[in-house]
Amino acid sequence: MNSARFWLLLIALLAGAPCIYLVGGGSTLAATRIAAISFGFFAGFISSNQAPAAFDVVPASQRASAIGVLNVIGASVSGFAPFLGGMARDTIGVGRLMGYTSLAYLATAGLALYGIRRHFMRDHRKAQGVV
């Protein structure tokens, strides 16, 4: 098993987190635009590597089910997020909501780092020259 895709996802989460924060808290329209474009760039890395990363750890006989689960979760979150965000906009505010989303990205990055370190130690030892 190779951890390269998971490292890429981790980097995209870490790089995307400040972009999300700046979308909600940018001081100028230009800064907000740059943050939104940057977030889209890093989100593309997440989207394009999500299923292939799952294939790195899911047995071939269960890959269709894994993609089904990813699609159900993704569609559910994507469907309810705008609704819940709209409801929270009046009480929490857009800036704070984007800050919370940024923190969720950082927490997810922490979970990804834990998973990489826990399950891909062989790759780390090989990279360090210790087999």
C-alpha atoms as a PDB file:
ATOM      1  CA  MET A   1       0.000   0.000   0.000  1.00  0.00           C
ATOM      2  CA  ASN A   2       1.178   3.466  -0.842  1.00  0.00           C
ATOM      3  CA  SER A   3       0.418   6.558   1.207  1.00  0.00           C
ATOM      4  CA  ALA A   4       1.164   9.118  -1.543  1.00  0.00           C
ATOM      5  CA  ARG A   5      -2.488   9.886  -2.329  1.00  0.00           C
ATOM      6  CA  PHE A   6      -3.251  10.287   1.351  1.00  0.00           C
ATOM      7  CA  TRP A   7      -0.377  12.737   1.739  1.00  0.00           C
ATOM      8  CA  LEU A   8      -1.761  14.687  -1.224  1.00  0.00           C
ATOM      9  CA  LEU A   9      -5.194  14.773   0.414  1.00  0.00           C
ATOM     10  CA  LEU A  10      -3.606  15.935   3.666  1.00  0.00           C
ATOM     11  CA  ILE A  11      -1.734  18.745   1.932  1.00  0.00           C
ATOM     12  CA  ALA A  12      -4.881  19.815   0.066  1.00  0.00           C
ATOM     13  CA  LEU A  13      -6.854  19.905   3.330  1.00  0.00           C
ATOM     14  CA  LEU A  14      -4.158  21.940   5.076  1.00  0.00           C
ATOM     15  CA  ALA A  15      -3.819  24.356   2.159  1.00  0.00           C
ATOM     16  CA  GLY A  16      -7.587  24.637   1.651  1.00  0.00           C
ATOM     17  CA  ALA A  17      -8.375  25.461   5.286  1.00  0.00           C
ATOM     18  CA  PRO A  18      -7.014  29.038   5.259  1.00  0.00           C
ATOM     19  CA  CYS A  19      -8.639  29.609   1.884  1.00  0.00           C
ATOM     20  CA  ILE A  20     -12.052  28.727   3.304  1.00  0.00           C
ATOM     21  CA  TYR A  21     -11.442  31.044   6.231  1.00  0.00           C
ATOM     22  CA  LEU A  22     -10.439  33.889   3.930  1.00  0.00           C
ATOM     23  CA  VAL A  23     -13.501  33.398   1.716  1.00  0.00           C
ATOM     24  CA  GLY A  24     -15.624  34.280   4.740  1.00  0.00           C
ATOM     25  CA  GLY A  25     -13.269  36.836   6.216  1.00  0.00           C
ATOM     26  CA  GLY A  26     -11.491  38.445   3.288  1.00  0.00           C
ATOM     27  CA  SER A  27     -10.929  42.154   3.776  1.00  0.00           C
ATOM     28  CA  THR A  28     -11.329  43.024   0.095  1.00  0.00           C
ATOM     29  CA  LEU A  29     -13.191  41.591  -2.855  1.00  0.00           C
ATOM     30  CA  ALA A  30      -9.871  40.788  -4.558  1.00  0.00           C
ATOM     31  CA  ALA A  31      -8.645  38.848  -1.500  1.00  0.00           C
ATOM     32  CA  THR A  32     -11.927  36.931  -1.372  1.00  0.00           C
ATOM     33  CA  ARG A  33     -11.661  36.093  -5.063  1.00  0.00           C
ATOM     34  CA  ILE A  34      -8.096  34.837  -4.708  1.00  0.00           C
ATOM     35  CA  ALA A  35      -9.103  32.757  -1.676  1.00  0.00           C
ATOM     36  CA  ALA A  36     -12.078  31.269  -3.563  1.00  0.00           C
ATOM     37  CA  ILE A  37      -9.945  30.410  -6.587  1.00  0.00           C
ATOM     38  CA  SER A  38      -7.287  28.871  -4.340  1.00  0.00           C
ATOM     39  CA  PHE A  39      -9.908  26.874  -2.468  1.00  0.00           C
ATOM     40  CA  GLY A  40     -11.273  25.553  -5.765  1.00  0.00           C
ATOM     41  CA  PHE A  41      -7.778  24.511  -6.785  1.00  0.00           C
ATOM     42  CA  PHE A  42      -7.147  22.577  -3.572  1.00  0.00           C
ATOM     43  CA  ALA A  43     -10.675  21.122  -3.517  1.00  0.00           C
ATOM     44  CA  GLY A  44      -9.927  19.709  -6.967  1.00  0.00           C
ATOM     45  CA  PHE A  45      -7.047  17.726  -5.491  1.00  0.00           C
ATOM     46  CA  ILE A  46      -9.378  16.354  -2.842  1.00  0.00           C
ATOM     47  CA  SER A  47     -12.107  15.436  -5.329  1.00  0.00           C
ATOM     48  CA  SER A  48      -9.757  13.834  -7.810  1.00  0.00           C
ATOM     49  CA  ASN A  49      -7.956  11.701  -5.229  1.00  0.00           C
ATOM     50  CA  GLN A  50     -10.783  10.678  -2.933  1.00  0.00           C
ATOM     51  CA  ALA A  51     -11.904   7.534  -4.785  1.00  0.00           C
ATOM     52  CA  PRO A  52      -8.401   6.449  -5.899  1.00  0.00           C
ATOM     53  CA  ALA A  53      -7.185   6.801  -2.296  1.00  0.00           C
ATOM     54  CA  ALA A  54     -10.052   4.589  -1.166  1.00  0.00           C
ATOM     55  CA  PHE A  55      -9.007   2.049  -3.794  1.00  0.00           C
ATOM     56  CA  ASP A  56      -5.543   1.965  -2.203  1.00  0.00           C
ATOM     57  CA  VAL A  57      -6.994   0.492   0.995  1.00  0.00           C
ATOM     58  CA  VAL A  58     -10.264  -1.205  -0.005  1.00  0.00           C
ATOM     59  CA  PRO A  59     -10.082  -4.729  -1.446  1.00  0.00           C
ATOM     60  CA  ALA A  60     -11.076  -5.000  -5.121  1.00  0.00           C
ATOM     61  CA  SER A  61     -14.166  -7.046  -4.260  1.00  0.00           C
ATOM     62  CA  GLN A  62     -15.549  -4.190  -2.123  1.00  0.00           C
ATOM     63  CA  ARG A  63     -14.610  -1.132  -4.190  1.00  0.00           C
ATOM     64  CA  ALA A  64     -18.052  -0.636  -5.736  1.00  0.00           C
ATOM     65  CA  SER A  65     -19.590  -0.584  -2.269  1.00  0.00           C
ATOM     66  CA  ALA A  66     -16.930   1.851  -1.052  1.00  0.00           C
ATOM     67  CA  ILE A  67     -17.672   4.237  -3.921  1.00  0.00           C
ATOM     68  CA  GLY A  68     -21.390   3.884  -3.182  1.00  0.00           C
ATOM     69  CA  VAL A  69     -20.812   4.864   0.448  1.00  0.00           C
ATOM     70  CA  LEU A  70     -18.616   7.807  -0.589  1.00  0.00           C
ATOM     71  CA  ASN A  71     -21.306   8.985  -3.027  1.00  0.00           C
ATOM     72  CA  VAL A  72     -24.124   8.698  -0.479  1.00  0.00           C
ATOM     73  CA  ILE A  73     -22.183  10.593   2.166  1.00  0.00           C
ATOM     74  CA  GLY A  74     -20.994  13.213  -0.321  1.00  0.00           C
ATOM     75  CA  ALA A  75     -24.456  13.759  -1.763  1.00  0.00           C
ATOM     76  CA  SER A  76     -26.038  13.968   1.684  1.00  0.00           C
ATOM     77  CA  VAL A  77     -23.528  16.474   2.981  1.00  0.00           C
ATOM     78  CA  SER A  78     -23.606  18.490  -0.249  1.00  0.00           C
ATOM     79  CA  GLY A  79     -27.400  18.500  -0.188  1.00  0.00           C
ATOM     80  CA  PHE A  80     -27.863  19.625   3.392  1.00  0.00           C
ATOM     81  CA  ALA A  81     -24.839  21.931   3.766  1.00  0.00           C
ATOM     82  CA  PRO A  82     -26.301  24.890   1.841  1.00  0.00           C
ATOM     83  CA  PHE A  83     -29.599  24.554   3.709  1.00  0.00           C
ATOM     84  CA  LEU A  84     -27.946  24.364   7.117  1.00  0.00           C
ATOM     85  CA  GLY A  85     -25.495  27.110   6.181  1.00  0.00           C
ATOM     86  CA  GLY A  86     -28.378  29.353   5.177  1.00  0.00           C
ATOM     87  CA  MET A  87     -30.087  28.725   8.488  1.00  0.00           C
ATOM     88  CA  ALA A  88     -26.871  29.389  10.429  1.00  0.00           C
ATOM     89  CA  ARG A  89     -26.062  32.519   8.442  1.00  0.00           C
ATOM     90  CA  ASP A  90     -28.514  34.613  10.445  1.00  0.00           C
ATOM     91  CA  THR A  91     -27.380  33.379  13.855  1.00  0.00           C
ATOM     92  CA  ILE A  92     -23.695  32.536  13.438  1.00  0.00           C
ATOM     93  CA  GLY A  93     -22.748  34.716  10.484  1.00  0.00           C
ATOM     94  CA  VAL A  94     -20.960  33.810   7.279  1.00  0.00           C
ATOM     95  CA  GLY A  95     -17.487  34.681   8.543  1.00  0.00           C
ATOM     96  CA  ARG A  96     -17.777  32.521  11.636  1.00  0.00           C
ATOM     97  CA  LEU A  97     -19.415  29.720   9.659  1.00  0.00           C
ATOM     98  CA  MET A  98     -16.494  29.681   7.222  1.00  0.00           C
ATOM     99  CA  GLY A  99     -14.122  29.723  10.202  1.00  0.00           C
ATOM    100  CA  TYR A 100     -15.829  26.627  11.606  1.00  0.00           C
ATOM    101  CA  THR A 101     -15.602  24.972   8.215  1.00  0.00           C
ATOM    102  CA  SER A 102     -11.905  25.794   8.120  1.00  0.00           C
ATOM    103  CA  LEU A 103     -11.496  24.172  11.539  1.00  0.00           C
ATOM    104  CA  ALA A 104     -13.349  21.101  10.266  1.00  0.00           C
ATOM    105  CA  TYR A 105     -10.835  20.904   7.404  1.00  0.00           C
ATOM    106  CA  LEU A 106      -7.968  21.076   9.901  1.00  0.00           C
ATOM    107  CA  ALA A 107      -9.572  18.382  12.064  1.00  0.00           C
ATOM    108  CA  THR A 108      -9.991  16.181   9.003  1.00  0.00           C
ATOM    109  CA  ALA A 109      -6.338  16.785   8.144  1.00  0.00           C
ATOM    110  CA  GLY A 110      -5.428  15.679  11.666  1.00  0.00           C
ATOM    111  CA  LEU A 111      -7.427  12.477  11.218  1.00  0.00           C
ATOM    112  CA  ALA A 112      -5.768  11.884   7.860  1.00  0.00           C
ATOM    113  CA  LEU A 113      -2.321  12.379   9.398  1.00  0.00           C
ATOM    114  CA  TYR A 114      -3.180   9.941  12.168  1.00  0.00           C
ATOM    115  CA  GLY A 115      -4.364   7.388   9.604  1.00  0.00           C
ATOM    116  CA  ILE A 116      -1.261   7.809   7.477  1.00  0.00           C
ATOM    117  CA  ARG A 117       1.061   7.437  10.445  1.00  0.00           C
ATOM    118  CA  ARG A 118      -0.847   4.504  11.882  1.00  0.00           C
ATOM    119  CA  HIS A 119      -1.446   2.474   8.746  1.00  0.00           C
ATOM    120  CA  PHE A 120       1.416   3.362   6.414  1.00  0.00           C
ATOM    121  CA  MET A 121       4.439   3.075   8.702  1.00  0.00           C
ATOM    122  CA  ARG A 122       6.059   0.629   6.271  1.00  0.00           C
ATOM    123  CA  ASP A 123       6.179   3.424   3.669  1.00  0.00           C
ATOM    124  CA  HIS A 124       7.753   5.757   6.205  1.00  0.00           C
ATOM    125  CA  ARG A 125      10.409   3.236   7.171  1.00  0.00           C
ATOM    126  CA  LYS A 126      11.161   2.544   3.496  1.00  0.00           C
ATOM    127  CA  ALA A 127      11.492   6.282   2.785  1.00  0.00           C
ATOM    128  CA  GLN A 128      13.931   6.605   5.690  1.00  0.00           C
ATOM    129  CA  GLY A 129      15.982   3.678   4.405  1.00  0.00           C
ATOM    130  CA  VAL A 130      14.982   1.358   7.249  1.00  0.00           C
ATOM    131  CA  VAL A 131      13.365  -1.751   5.742  1.00  0.00           C
END
